[in-house]
C-alpha cells in the first residue's frame, strides 16, 4: 500500500525502490562494460606487482577514481630490467627477503638421492672481510618464486651471468658467490649502481663502505708491488725465478723482495699468508701477471712522455744500430735525439727484432716505428749509424732511403765507432803492433786458464790491477790491457820465471812460460808497452768524450785534430 509523505504525495514502496535500484545497477554495469578497462592503459610487465582501482559514483553521477599501483615487486625474479625498474630500485631500494630464514622455496634435491635436500642458508648473506670481520652481502636478494638468490646490481645493469639472469641455487658450493663478487664485471656493476645512487641523492652506505674498504685494501697491496717492480726494473734486475712459490729458494727477485718486506710489514705478511700460492683464478696481485702488467703500464707511460717531448721539440734525429742479444736474436735499437729545454738528450725507444740486414728491411722497420709513434719523418734533421755499407751507403744504404722521405736528415757517422776503426786499421798495418797485442792476449790466457798460475801471479803483484783481456768490439778498451801489463811488468816477469823453473809444472807449461818470458825480455816489447800505453790512453779518453750526449760537431773536430797531433 502506498503511503503519503509530508507533502501529501504518495511514497514509493520498498519493493518499488528495490526494483529501481536493481535497474540502476544493471544500467551502470552495462555502461562500465562498454568502457575500456583502465588496466589496458598500463603495461604490466614482470616488474609490476599489482594494479588495482576503485570507482565510486557520487550523488551528482560524477566518477571518482582511486588508483593503487605498486610498480616493482619485491621478488627480483619478476623484474624486467629497464630504466623504470632501475630508477625505482635506485629511489626506493630493494628487499633481501630474509623474513623467513628457513627459505622453504629453496629446497633442492641432492643428486643421486631421492629423499635428501639442501636449503639456502642465512650465512650466504654474510662474508668474512679481509680484516677478519663479518660483513653483509647487501647486493643479494632472495626470490620466493624461484627459491634462488640474485645479484641485484648485476641484474639491473646487464651482467650476463647466471646469478644475475636465472638466479643461483647451487647451495653445495657457496664459495662461488665469493668468486662472483671478486670479478671485475660485478664490481663495475656495483660502481654503476653507486653512481646512479649519487645522482638520485640516495647512497647505500654499507655497500659503499664495503667497496671503499676493498679499494683501499687492494690499493695498499698494489703500492707495495709497484714499489718493488720500480726498484728491480730501474736496476735491470730479473723478476722471475724458476718457480712462483712463496717459500722457495728459486722464486726470483720479485717474490724474494715481497718476502723480505713482509718480515717488517704486518699488512703484507697477512696478505701473503692468505693468498700465497693461490694459483690461477684467484686475485692476489702477487704473480708474474701483475708485475708484467705494471711494467707494461710503466713502459707506455715513459714512451708517451718521450714522444710528447719529441713532438714539443718538433725536430729530432735518429740513431740506429743492430746487434744480436743473448738468445742470438738480431735486434735493431732505435734512439731519438732532440733538444729539451735547451739541452740535447738521447732517449732509447725500443728494440725491433728480426728486421733483417738489408737496407730496405731496416728502413721499412724504422719508418714504421716512427709512424707508430705519430711523428713526422719530415721533421727528422739527422741520422747516425755505424760505417757498415747497408747503413751508411750513399746510394742504397739506410741513410739514402731516409733521405728520400726526409731530404734534410743529414747523415753523420758514429764518431766513436769511426775512431775504433781508424785505431784498429792503424795497428793492423804494422806487423810488430799486431804481434804485440797477440802477446798481451797470450799472457792473459796463460795465467787465467789455470787457478794455480793465477795464484802465482797474485802472490807476486803488489797492485790491485789485474790482467785484462783484449776487447773485440771496443778497440780503445785495449788501453786497460796495456795499462795492466805496464803496472804489473815486474810481477809478470817474476811469475813467469818461477813457473819456468818449477819442478811441479808440466813441461809444456814451463816451455810456454819460457817463451812468454823471452818475448817480454826484449827491448822492442818494452818500447811498445810504453808507446801504446800513451797512445791508447789518449784514444780511450777521446772515445769516451765522443760518446757524450751533449757533444757538438765542433768539439768532435777539435778532438780529432788534437789526437792526430798527439800521435804525430
Protein backbone atom coordinates (compact mmCIF):
# COMPACT_ATOMS: atom_id res chain seq x y z
CA UNK A 1 0.00 0.00 0.00
CA UNK A 2 1.30 3.41 -0.87
CA UNK A 3 1.84 5.78 1.98
CA UNK A 4 1.64 9.58 2.00
CA UNK A 5 4.70 11.68 2.69
CA UNK A 6 4.81 15.07 4.45
CA UNK A 7 3.69 16.86 1.25
CA UNK A 8 0.70 14.61 0.79
CA UNK A 9 2.25 12.74 -2.14
CA UNK A 10 2.43 9.04 -2.42
CA UNK A 11 5.67 7.49 -1.09
CA UNK A 12 7.19 4.61 -3.14
CA UNK A 13 7.08 1.29 -1.52
CA UNK A 14 10.15 -0.74 -0.63
CA UNK A 15 9.56 -3.17 -3.46
CA UNK A 16 9.47 -0.31 -5.90
CA UNK A 17 12.75 1.10 -4.54
CA UNK A 18 14.47 -2.26 -4.78
CA UNK A 19 13.28 -2.62 -8.35
CA UNK A 20 14.63 0.81 -9.27
CA UNK A 21 17.95 0.08 -7.55
CA UNK A 22 18.27 -3.16 -9.48
CA UNK A 23 17.56 -1.39 -12.76
CA UNK A 24 20.13 1.33 -11.93
CA UNK A 25 22.77 -1.28 -11.09
CA UNK A 26 22.12 -3.10 -14.35
CA UNK A 27 22.38 0.20 -16.25
CA UNK A 28 25.68 1.10 -14.57
CA UNK A 29 27.06 -2.36 -15.21
CA UNK A 30 26.11 -2.06 -18.88
CA UNK A 31 27.86 1.32 -19.14
CA UNK A 32 31.00 0.10 -17.36
CA UNK A 33 31.15 -2.99 -19.61
CA UNK A 34 31.30 -0.73 -22.67
CA UNK A 35 34.20 1.39 -21.23
CA UNK A 36 37.78 0.08 -21.94
CA UNK A 37 39.37 -1.32 -18.87
CA UNK A 38 41.72 1.10 -17.18
CA UNK A 39 44.29 -1.67 -16.78
CA UNK A 40 44.71 -1.68 -20.56
CA UNK A 41 46.39 1.71 -20.32
CA UNK A 42 49.25 0.28 -18.19
CA UNK A 43 51.99 -2.06 -19.41
CA UNK A 44 52.04 -4.93 -16.99
CA UNK A 45 55.50 -6.45 -17.10
CA UNK A 46 57.46 -8.67 -14.79
CA UNK A 47 58.43 -5.63 -12.73
CA UNK A 48 54.74 -4.88 -11.96
CA UNK A 49 53.36 -6.42 -8.84
CA UNK A 50 49.67 -5.33 -8.78
CA UNK A 51 47.42 -2.64 -10.21
CA UNK A 52 44.00 -2.19 -8.72
CA UNK A 53 41.49 0.65 -8.59
CA UNK A 54 38.14 1.60 -7.02
CA UNK A 55 35.41 3.52 -8.81
CA UNK A 56 32.59 5.27 -6.93
CA UNK A 57 29.72 7.36 -8.21
CA UNK A 58 28.73 10.30 -6.08
CA UNK A 59 25.34 11.84 -5.87
CA UNK A 60 25.96 14.02 -8.93
CA UNK A 61 26.81 10.94 -11.00
CA UNK A 62 30.48 12.05 -11.30
CA UNK A 63 33.04 9.28 -11.33
CA UNK A 64 35.69 9.24 -8.67
CA UNK A 65 38.76 7.09 -9.41
CA UNK A 66 41.19 5.89 -6.81
CA UNK A 67 44.20 4.11 -8.38
CA UNK A 68 46.65 1.98 -6.46
CA UNK A 69 49.90 0.96 -8.25
CA UNK A 70 52.84 -0.98 -6.92
CA UNK A 71 55.39 -0.86 -9.77
CA UNK A 72 58.25 -3.15 -8.65
CA UNK A 73 57.87 -6.47 -6.98
CA UNK A 74 59.98 -7.42 -4.00
CA UNK A 75 60.87 -10.57 -5.91
CA UNK A 76 63.90 -9.97 -8.22
CA UNK A 77 62.93 -12.91 -10.43
CA UNK A 78 59.85 -10.95 -11.59
CA UNK A 79 61.81 -7.86 -12.63
CA UNK A 80 62.11 -6.67 -16.19
CA UNK A 81 65.36 -4.76 -16.44
CA UNK A 82 64.51 -1.42 -17.95
CA UNK A 83 65.01 2.19 -16.91
CA UNK A 84 61.77 2.28 -14.91
CA UNK A 85 62.83 -0.73 -12.86
CA UNK A 86 66.33 0.67 -12.32
CA UNK A 87 65.02 4.09 -11.27
CA UNK A 88 62.53 2.53 -8.86
CA UNK A 89 65.16 0.34 -7.20
CA UNK A 90 67.56 3.28 -7.02
CA UNK A 91 64.95 5.51 -5.38
CA UNK A 92 63.22 3.02 -3.09
CA UNK A 93 65.83 0.31 -2.65
CA UNK A 94 65.14 -3.41 -2.70
CA UNK A 95 64.42 -6.09 -0.14
CA UNK A 96 66.63 -9.07 0.51
CA UNK A 97 63.52 -11.09 1.51
CA UNK A 98 65.05 -12.65 4.60
CA UNK A 99 61.83 -12.71 6.67
CA UNK A 100 61.55 -16.46 6.54
CA UNK A 101 65.04 -17.62 7.46
CA UNK A 102 64.14 -21.25 6.65
CA UNK A 103 63.72 -20.49 2.91
CA UNK A 104 61.38 -23.43 2.15
CA UNK A 105 61.18 -22.50 -1.55
CA UNK A 106 64.97 -23.03 -1.89
CA UNK A 107 64.71 -26.80 -1.42
CA UNK A 108 66.96 -28.59 -3.89
CA UNK A 109 67.33 -32.36 -4.10
CA UNK A 110 70.82 -33.74 -3.66
CA UNK A 111 71.90 -35.51 -6.87
CA UNK A 112 71.98 -39.27 -6.51
CA UNK A 113 69.44 -39.31 -3.70
CA UNK A 114 65.67 -39.30 -3.54
CA UNK A 115 64.93 -38.00 -0.04
CA UNK A 116 67.82 -35.72 0.84
CA UNK A 117 67.65 -32.00 0.20
CA UNK A 118 69.71 -28.84 0.56
CA UNK A 119 68.37 -25.41 1.53
CA UNK A 120 69.62 -21.86 1.33
CA UNK A 121 71.47 -20.83 4.47
CA UNK A 122 71.29 -17.40 6.02
CA UNK A 123 75.08 -17.45 6.26
CA UNK A 124 75.26 -16.94 2.49
CA UNK A 125 74.24 -13.32 3.05
CA UNK A 126 77.35 -12.75 5.16
CA UNK A 127 81.04 -12.85 4.29
CA UNK A 128 84.34 -12.60 6.10
CA UNK A 129 86.16 -9.38 5.24
CA UNK A 130 89.89 -9.23 4.66
CA UNK A 131 90.43 -7.90 8.19
CA UNK A 132 88.59 -10.88 9.69
CA UNK A 133 85.32 -9.05 10.44
CA UNK A 134 81.87 -10.21 9.27
CA UNK A 135 80.11 -8.11 6.66
CA UNK A 136 76.76 -8.33 4.90
CA UNK A 137 76.30 -9.08 1.23
CA UNK A 138 73.96 -6.17 0.61
CA UNK A 139 73.79 -6.87 -3.10
CA UNK A 140 71.98 -10.26 -2.79
CA UNK A 141 68.21 -10.68 -2.87
CA UNK A 142 66.19 -13.88 -2.39
CA UNK A 143 63.39 -14.82 -4.83
CA UNK A 144 60.43 -16.54 -3.23
CA UNK A 145 59.03 -17.64 -6.58
CA UNK A 146 62.17 -19.43 -7.80
CA UNK A 147 63.89 -20.20 -4.50
CA UNK A 148 67.13 -18.68 -5.83
CA UNK A 149 69.30 -15.69 -4.97
CA UNK A 150 70.07 -12.84 -7.36
CA UNK A 151 72.83 -10.25 -7.55
CA UNK A 152 70.82 -7.05 -7.80
CA UNK A 153 73.49 -4.71 -9.30
CA UNK A 154 74.39 -7.29 -11.96
CA UNK A 155 70.71 -7.97 -12.76
CA UNK A 156 69.96 -4.28 -13.17
CA UNK A 157 72.99 -3.35 -15.23
CA UNK A 158 73.28 -6.23 -17.66
CA UNK A 159 75.91 -8.62 -16.34
CA UNK A 160 75.15 -11.83 -18.25
CA UNK A 161 75.92 -14.35 -15.50
CA UNK A 162 73.53 -16.94 -14.02
CA UNK A 163 73.32 -15.24 -10.61
CA UNK A 164 72.04 -12.12 -12.39
CA UNK A 165 69.77 -13.66 -15.01
CA UNK A 166 68.41 -17.06 -13.93
CA UNK A 167 69.30 -16.92 -10.26
CA UNK A 168 71.78 -19.07 -8.34
CA UNK A 169 70.88 -22.05 -6.18
CA UNK A 170 73.98 -24.25 -6.03
CA UNK A 171 73.90 -24.48 -2.22
CA UNK A 172 76.70 -27.07 -2.23
CA UNK A 173 79.26 -24.51 -3.47
CA UNK A 174 78.68 -21.22 -1.62
CA UNK A 175 82.27 -20.16 -2.44
CA UNK A 176 81.14 -19.40 -5.98
CA UNK A 177 79.32 -16.34 -4.66
CA UNK A 178 82.70 -15.12 -3.36
CA UNK A 179 84.23 -15.78 -6.76
CA UNK A 180 81.46 -13.74 -8.36
CA UNK A 181 81.85 -10.74 -6.09
CA UNK A 182 85.58 -10.64 -6.88
CA UNK A 183 85.03 -10.38 -10.63
CA UNK A 184 85.58 -7.09 -12.44
CA UNK A 185 82.12 -7.25 -14.07
CA UNK A 186 80.41 -7.41 -10.66
CA UNK A 187 82.50 -4.56 -9.29
CA UNK A 188 81.73 -2.43 -12.35
CA UNK A 189 78.00 -3.04 -11.86
CA UNK A 190 78.27 -2.07 -8.19
CA UNK A 191 80.13 1.11 -9.14
CA UNK A 192 77.46 1.92 -11.72
CA UNK A 193 74.72 1.44 -9.14
CA UNK A 194 76.55 3.65 -6.63
CA UNK A 195 76.97 6.35 -9.25
CA UNK A 196 73.26 6.20 -10.04
CA UNK A 197 72.52 6.37 -6.33
CA UNK A 198 74.60 9.52 -6.04
CA UNK A 199 72.72 11.14 -8.90
CA UNK A 200 69.41 10.26 -7.26
CA UNK A 201 70.65 11.54 -3.91
CA UNK A 202 70.40 8.16 -2.20
CA UNK A 203 73.54 6.31 -1.18
CA UNK A 204 73.66 2.82 0.25
CA UNK A 205 76.25 3.50 2.92
CA UNK A 206 77.01 -0.13 3.71
CA UNK A 207 77.53 -1.04 0.06
CA UNK A 208 79.79 1.95 -0.48
CA UNK A 209 81.74 1.30 2.72
CA UNK A 210 82.33 -2.29 1.66
CA UNK A 211 83.51 -1.21 -1.77
CA UNK A 212 85.74 1.53 -0.35
CA UNK A 213 87.30 -0.98 2.03
CA UNK A 214 88.07 -3.29 -0.89
CA UNK A 215 89.56 -0.45 -2.91
CA UNK A 216 91.74 0.71 -0.02
CA UNK A 217 92.95 -2.81 0.71
CA UNK A 218 93.98 -3.63 -2.84
CA UNK A 219 95.46 -0.16 -3.32
CA UNK A 220 97.74 -0.84 -0.35
CA UNK A 221 98.79 -4.16 -1.90
CA UNK A 222 99.50 -2.56 -5.27
CA UNK A 223 101.50 0.25 -3.64
CA UNK A 224 103.98 -2.30 -2.31
CA UNK A 225 104.03 -4.34 -5.52
CA UNK A 226 104.68 -1.30 -7.72
CA UNK A 227 107.48 -0.09 -5.43
CA UNK A 228 109.25 -3.45 -5.77
CA UNK A 229 108.77 -3.51 -9.55
CA UNK A 230 110.21 0.01 -9.91
CA UNK A 231 113.17 -0.88 -7.68
CA UNK A 232 114.08 -4.02 -9.64
CA UNK A 233 113.46 -2.74 -13.15
CA UNK A 234 115.33 0.53 -12.59
CA UNK A 235 118.46 -1.55 -11.90
CA UNK A 236 117.91 -4.02 -14.72
CA UNK A 237 117.45 -6.97 -12.36
CA UNK A 238 115.42 -10.04 -13.42
CA UNK A 239 111.99 -10.51 -11.83
CA UNK A 240 111.20 -14.19 -12.26
CA UNK A 241 112.91 -17.28 -10.98
CA UNK A 242 112.49 -20.97 -11.71
CA UNK A 243 109.09 -21.03 -9.98
CA UNK A 244 106.49 -18.71 -8.41
CA UNK A 245 106.08 -20.30 -4.99
CA UNK A 246 106.46 -18.40 -1.74
CA UNK A 247 108.99 -20.09 0.49
CA UNK A 248 111.02 -21.47 -2.41
CA UNK A 249 114.71 -20.65 -2.80
CA UNK A 250 114.22 -20.27 -6.56
CA UNK A 251 111.19 -17.97 -6.76
CA UNK A 252 113.09 -14.98 -8.18
CA UNK A 253 113.85 -11.44 -7.06
CA UNK A 254 110.25 -10.19 -7.07
CA UNK A 255 108.89 -12.76 -4.63
CA UNK A 256 112.05 -12.59 -2.54
CA UNK A 257 111.54 -8.83 -2.15
CA UNK A 258 107.92 -9.44 -1.12
CA UNK A 259 109.05 -11.97 1.49
CA UNK A 260 111.70 -9.58 2.78
CA UNK A 261 109.30 -6.65 3.18
CA UNK A 262 106.70 -8.95 4.76
CA UNK A 263 109.11 -9.61 7.62
CA UNK A 264 108.70 -5.98 8.69
CA UNK A 265 105.23 -5.18 7.27
CA UNK A 266 102.31 -6.88 9.09
CA UNK A 267 99.85 -5.89 6.36
CA UNK A 268 101.85 -7.54 3.57
CA UNK A 269 102.69 -10.51 5.79
CA UNK A 270 98.99 -11.17 6.43
CA UNK A 271 98.15 -10.75 2.75
CA UNK A 272 100.82 -13.23 1.67
CA UNK A 273 99.72 -15.70 4.32
CA UNK A 274 96.15 -15.53 3.00
CA UNK A 275 96.85 -15.56 -0.75
CA UNK A 276 100.22 -17.31 -1.08
CA UNK A 277 100.44 -19.90 -3.85
CA UNK A 278 96.71 -19.47 -4.59
CA UNK A 279 97.14 -20.40 -8.26
CA UNK A 280 95.19 -19.23 -11.28
CA UNK A 281 91.74 -17.71 -10.96
CA UNK A 282 92.43 -16.07 -7.57
CA UNK A 283 93.16 -12.36 -7.38
CA UNK A 284 96.26 -11.74 -5.25
CA UNK A 285 98.43 -9.24 -7.20
CA UNK A 286 101.44 -11.37 -6.26
CA UNK A 287 102.04 -13.24 -9.52
CA UNK A 288 104.05 -12.50 -12.64
CA UNK A 289 100.85 -11.47 -14.43
CA UNK A 290 100.56 -8.44 -12.17
CA UNK A 291 104.10 -7.16 -12.46
CA UNK A 292 104.13 -7.77 -16.20
CA UNK A 293 101.10 -5.52 -16.42
CA UNK A 294 102.76 -2.93 -14.15
CA UNK A 295 105.90 -2.98 -16.33
CA UNK A 296 103.74 -2.60 -19.44
CA UNK A 297 101.94 0.40 -17.91
CA UNK A 298 105.27 1.96 -16.91
CA UNK A 299 106.63 1.37 -20.42
CA UNK A 300 103.60 3.03 -22.03
CA UNK A 301 103.83 5.98 -19.65
CA UNK A 302 107.55 6.50 -20.32
CA UNK A 303 107.04 6.07 -24.06
CA UNK A 304 104.21 8.61 -24.05
CA UNK A 305 106.36 11.11 -22.13
CA UNK A 306 109.28 10.74 -24.56
CA UNK A 307 107.07 11.03 -27.64
CA UNK A 308 105.44 14.17 -26.23
CA UNK A 309 108.89 15.66 -25.60
CA UNK A 310 109.90 14.89 -29.21
CA UNK A 311 106.68 16.46 -30.52
CA UNK A 312 107.25 19.58 -28.43
CA UNK A 313 110.85 19.81 -29.71
CA UNK A 314 109.49 19.24 -33.27
CA UNK A 315 112.89 18.44 -34.81
CA UNK A 316 114.75 15.26 -33.95
CA UNK A 317 117.49 12.89 -35.07
CA UNK A 318 117.62 9.12 -35.09
CA UNK A 319 120.39 6.76 -34.01
CA UNK A 320 120.07 3.17 -35.22
CA UNK A 321 122.20 0.08 -34.65
CA UNK A 322 121.64 -3.66 -34.65
CA UNK A 323 123.24 -6.40 -32.58
CA UNK A 324 122.29 -9.95 -31.52
CA UNK A 325 121.16 -10.45 -27.94
CA UNK A 326 121.95 -13.35 -25.60
CA UNK A 327 119.33 -15.52 -27.34
CA UNK A 328 121.04 -14.87 -30.72
CA UNK A 329 118.08 -12.80 -31.91
CA UNK A 330 119.11 -9.85 -34.05
CA UNK A 331 117.61 -6.67 -32.57
CA UNK A 332 117.54 -3.21 -34.08
CA UNK A 333 117.80 -0.46 -31.46
CA UNK A 334 116.14 2.91 -32.14
CA UNK A 335 117.16 6.10 -30.32
CA UNK A 336 115.72 9.62 -30.65
CA UNK A 337 117.96 12.64 -30.15
CA UNK A 338 116.33 16.04 -29.61
CA UNK A 339 116.65 19.25 -27.63
CA UNK A 340 114.81 19.56 -24.32
CA UNK A 341 114.88 22.94 -22.54
CA UNK A 342 117.99 23.91 -24.49
CA UNK A 343 119.86 20.69 -23.61
CA UNK A 344 120.36 17.84 -26.12
CA UNK A 345 119.05 14.48 -24.88
CA UNK A 346 119.08 10.96 -26.27
CA UNK A 347 116.26 8.53 -25.44
CA UNK A 348 116.26 4.85 -26.20
CA UNK A 349 112.85 3.97 -27.59
CA UNK A 350 112.66 0.29 -28.43
CA UNK A 351 114.20 -2.88 -29.81
CA UNK A 352 112.85 -4.05 -33.16
CA UNK A 353 113.56 -7.81 -33.51
CA UNK A 354 114.42 -9.71 -36.68
CA UNK A 355 114.34 -6.85 -39.16
CA UNK A 356 116.96 -8.40 -41.45
CA UNK A 357 120.26 -6.91 -42.61
CA UNK A 358 119.23 -5.39 -45.93
CA UNK A 359 118.92 -1.63 -46.03
CA UNK A 360 115.33 -1.76 -47.33
CA UNK A 361 114.21 -4.04 -44.48
CA UNK A 362 115.88 -1.81 -41.89
CA UNK A 363 114.43 1.34 -43.47
CA UNK A 364 110.90 -0.13 -43.51
CA UNK A 365 111.21 -1.08 -39.82
CA UNK A 366 112.49 2.38 -38.82
CA UNK A 367 109.87 4.28 -40.81
CA UNK A 368 107.10 2.04 -39.45
CA UNK A 369 108.24 2.66 -35.86
CA UNK A 370 108.35 6.44 -36.42
CA UNK A 371 104.86 6.32 -37.93
CA UNK A 372 103.53 4.28 -34.99
CA UNK A 373 104.92 6.94 -32.64
CA UNK A 374 102.90 9.51 -34.63
CA UNK A 375 105.98 11.52 -35.55
CA UNK A 376 106.51 13.24 -38.88
CA UNK A 377 109.62 11.84 -40.59
CA UNK A 378 110.00 15.16 -42.43
CA UNK A 379 110.96 16.74 -39.10
CA UNK A 380 113.96 14.41 -38.88
CA UNK A 381 117.11 16.52 -39.18
CA UNK A 382 119.85 13.98 -38.50
CA UNK A 383 120.70 10.30 -38.71
CA UNK A 384 123.67 8.45 -37.25
CA UNK A 385 124.75 4.84 -37.76
CA UNK A 386 127.92 2.78 -37.89
CA UNK A 387 130.07 2.52 -41.00
CA UNK A 388 128.53 -0.67 -42.42
CA UNK A 389 127.59 -0.35 -46.10
CA UNK A 390 123.95 -1.29 -45.52
CA UNK A 391 123.67 1.59 -43.03
CA UNK A 392 125.97 4.32 -44.36
CA UNK A 393 125.69 3.54 -48.08
CA UNK A 394 125.34 6.77 -50.03
CA UNK A 395 123.21 5.32 -52.83
CA UNK A 396 121.27 2.38 -51.40
CA UNK A 397 122.07 2.35 -47.70
CA UNK A 398 119.75 3.28 -44.85
CA UNK A 399 120.88 6.91 -44.90
CA UNK A 400 119.94 7.20 -48.59
CA UNK A 401 116.49 5.67 -48.03
CA UNK A 402 115.79 8.02 -45.11
CA UNK A 403 116.85 10.99 -47.24
CA UNK A 404 114.32 10.00 -49.88
CA UNK A 405 111.47 10.76 -47.45
CA UNK A 406 113.29 13.44 -45.44
CA UNK A 407 115.88 15.29 -47.58
CA UNK A 408 117.05 17.44 -44.62
CA UNK A 409 118.05 14.43 -42.49
CA UNK A 410 121.84 14.77 -42.73
CA UNK A 411 123.92 11.68 -42.05
CA UNK A 412 126.77 11.74 -39.52
CA UNK A 413 128.67 8.50 -38.84
CA UNK A 414 129.17 7.40 -35.25
CA UNK A 415 132.34 9.20 -34.15
CA UNK A 416 133.35 6.66 -31.51
CA UNK A 417 132.87 3.80 -33.96
CA UNK A 418 134.92 5.60 -36.61
CA UNK A 419 137.73 6.19 -34.12
CA UNK A 420 137.76 2.48 -33.24
CA UNK A 421 138.02 1.56 -36.92
CA UNK A 422 140.87 4.02 -37.51
CA UNK A 423 142.82 2.78 -34.48
CA UNK A 424 142.35 -0.88 -35.41
CA UNK A 425 143.34 -0.27 -39.02
CA UNK A 426 146.44 1.66 -37.96
CA UNK A 427 147.53 -1.07 -35.54
CA UNK A 428 146.91 -3.88 -38.05
CA UNK A 429 149.07 -2.12 -40.63
CA UNK A 430 152.17 -2.85 -38.52
CA UNK A 431 153.33 -6.43 -38.02
CA UNK A 432 155.12 -5.52 -34.79
CA UNK A 433 151.93 -3.96 -33.34
CA UNK A 434 149.85 -7.00 -34.26
CA UNK A 435 152.39 -9.32 -32.62
CA UNK A 436 152.46 -7.10 -29.52
CA UNK A 437 148.69 -7.27 -28.97
CA UNK A 438 148.73 -11.03 -29.51
CA UNK A 439 151.46 -11.28 -26.89
CA UNK A 440 149.36 -9.38 -24.34
CA UNK A 441 146.36 -11.62 -25.03
CA UNK A 442 148.54 -14.75 -24.69
CA UNK A 443 149.84 -13.55 -21.31
CA UNK A 444 146.26 -13.08 -20.04
CA UNK A 445 145.18 -16.50 -21.34
CA UNK A 446 148.26 -18.19 -19.87
CA UNK A 447 147.57 -17.00 -16.31
CA UNK A 448 143.74 -17.01 -16.35
CA UNK A 449 143.37 -20.55 -17.72
CA UNK A 450 144.87 -22.08 -14.54
CA UNK A 451 143.98 -21.27 -10.95
CA UNK A 452 147.46 -22.21 -9.73
CA UNK A 453 149.14 -19.91 -12.25
CA UNK A 454 146.72 -17.10 -11.39
CA UNK A 455 147.53 -17.61 -7.71
CA UNK A 456 151.26 -17.40 -8.51
CA UNK A 457 150.70 -14.09 -10.32
CA UNK A 458 148.56 -12.64 -7.49
CA UNK A 459 151.17 -13.62 -4.90
CA UNK A 460 153.86 -11.58 -6.71
CA UNK A 461 151.86 -8.45 -7.51
CA UNK A 462 151.55 -5.54 -5.11
CA UNK A 463 148.84 -3.63 -7.01
CA UNK A 464 145.07 -4.03 -7.22
CA UNK A 465 145.22 -4.00 -11.02
CA UNK A 466 144.86 -7.47 -12.51
CA UNK A 467 145.47 -8.66 -16.04
CA UNK A 468 142.83 -7.74 -18.64
CA UNK A 469 141.81 -9.49 -21.82
CA UNK A 470 141.51 -7.98 -25.27
CA UNK A 471 138.16 -6.50 -26.32
CA UNK A 472 136.92 -7.49 -29.77
CA UNK A 473 134.35 -4.70 -30.08
CA UNK A 474 135.81 -1.65 -28.33
CA UNK A 475 139.34 -1.19 -29.62
CA UNK A 476 140.02 1.70 -27.25
CA UNK A 477 139.35 -0.67 -24.32
CA UNK A 478 142.70 -2.31 -25.09
CA UNK A 479 144.12 0.52 -23.04
CA UNK A 480 143.11 -1.41 -19.89
CA UNK A 481 145.07 -4.45 -21.10
CA UNK A 482 148.16 -2.39 -21.90
CA UNK A 483 147.90 -0.40 -18.67
CA UNK A 484 147.67 -3.57 -16.54
CA UNK A 485 150.73 -5.02 -18.31
CA UNK A 486 152.68 -1.83 -17.66
CA UNK A 487 151.78 -1.73 -13.96
CA UNK A 488 152.46 -5.45 -13.39
CA UNK A 489 155.59 -5.77 -15.56
CA UNK A 490 157.93 -6.91 -12.78
CA UNK A 491 155.26 -9.20 -11.25
CA UNK A 492 154.63 -10.91 -14.57
CA UNK A 493 158.38 -11.41 -15.21
CA UNK A 494 158.87 -12.90 -11.73
CA UNK A 495 155.84 -15.18 -12.07
CA UNK A 496 156.99 -16.48 -15.45
CA UNK A 497 160.47 -17.24 -14.08
CA UNK A 498 159.01 -19.14 -11.10
CA UNK A 499 156.74 -21.19 -13.36
CA UNK A 500 159.59 -21.82 -15.81
CA UNK A 501 161.86 -23.10 -13.06
CA UNK A 502 159.18 -25.01 -11.12
CA UNK A 503 159.62 -28.78 -10.79
CA UNK A 504 155.90 -29.40 -10.27
CA UNK A 505 154.73 -27.89 -13.56
CA UNK A 506 154.30 -29.79 -16.79
CA UNK A 507 156.93 -29.47 -19.46
CA UNK A 508 154.55 -27.77 -21.90
CA UNK A 509 153.60 -25.20 -19.27
CA UNK A 510 157.23 -24.50 -18.44
CA UNK A 511 158.05 -24.17 -22.12
CA UNK A 512 155.14 -21.74 -22.65
CA UNK A 513 156.26 -19.64 -19.68
CA UNK A 514 159.79 -19.56 -21.08
CA UNK A 515 158.56 -18.34 -24.47
CA UNK A 516 156.48 -15.53 -22.93
CA UNK A 517 159.41 -14.51 -20.76
CA UNK A 518 161.74 -14.27 -23.79
CA UNK A 519 159.24 -12.03 -25.62
CA UNK A 520 158.77 -9.76 -22.61
CA UNK A 521 162.51 -9.54 -22.04
CA UNK A 522 163.07 -7.86 -25.42
CA UNK A 523 163.75 -4.13 -25.68
CA UNK A 524 161.21 -3.82 -28.52
CA UNK A 525 158.44 -5.15 -26.26
CA UNK A 526 159.26 -2.62 -23.53
CA UNK A 527 159.20 0.22 -26.09
CA UNK A 528 155.83 -0.93 -27.49
CA UNK A 529 154.32 -1.13 -23.99
CA UNK A 530 155.30 2.47 -23.29
CA UNK A 531 154.29 3.70 -26.73
CA UNK A 532 150.89 2.01 -26.89
CA UNK A 533 150.22 2.84 -23.25
CA UNK A 534 150.37 6.57 -24.02
CA UNK A 535 148.54 6.37 -27.36
CA UNK A 536 145.74 4.12 -26.09
CA UNK A 537 145.23 6.29 -23.02
CA UNK A 538 144.52 9.27 -25.26
CA UNK A 539 142.37 7.09 -27.54
CA UNK A 540 140.34 5.90 -24.58
CA UNK A 541 139.74 9.39 -23.17
CA UNK A 542 138.69 10.82 -26.53
CA UNK A 543 136.48 7.80 -27.25
CA UNK A 544 134.54 8.40 -24.03
CA UNK A 545 134.16 12.10 -24.81
CA UNK A 546 132.84 11.29 -28.28
CA UNK A 547 130.04 9.25 -26.69
CA UNK A 548 128.85 12.21 -24.63
CA UNK A 549 125.25 13.23 -25.36
CA UNK A 550 125.96 16.98 -25.23
CA UNK A 551 128.93 16.91 -27.62
CA UNK A 552 128.75 19.00 -30.82
CA UNK A 553 130.46 18.74 -34.20
CA UNK A 554 132.99 21.48 -33.46
CA UNK A 555 134.16 19.67 -30.33
CA UNK A 556 134.42 16.42 -32.28
CA UNK A 557 136.59 18.09 -34.91
CA UNK A 558 138.84 19.62 -32.25
CA UNK A 559 139.27 16.26 -30.51
CA UNK A 560 140.21 14.57 -33.77
CA UNK A 561 142.78 17.26 -34.52
CA UNK A 562 144.23 17.01 -31.03
CA UNK A 563 144.59 13.23 -31.31
CA UNK A 564 146.25 13.47 -34.74
CA UNK A 565 148.77 15.98 -33.47
CA UNK A 566 149.48 13.87 -30.40
CA UNK A 567 150.12 10.71 -32.44
CA UNK A 568 152.39 12.62 -34.82
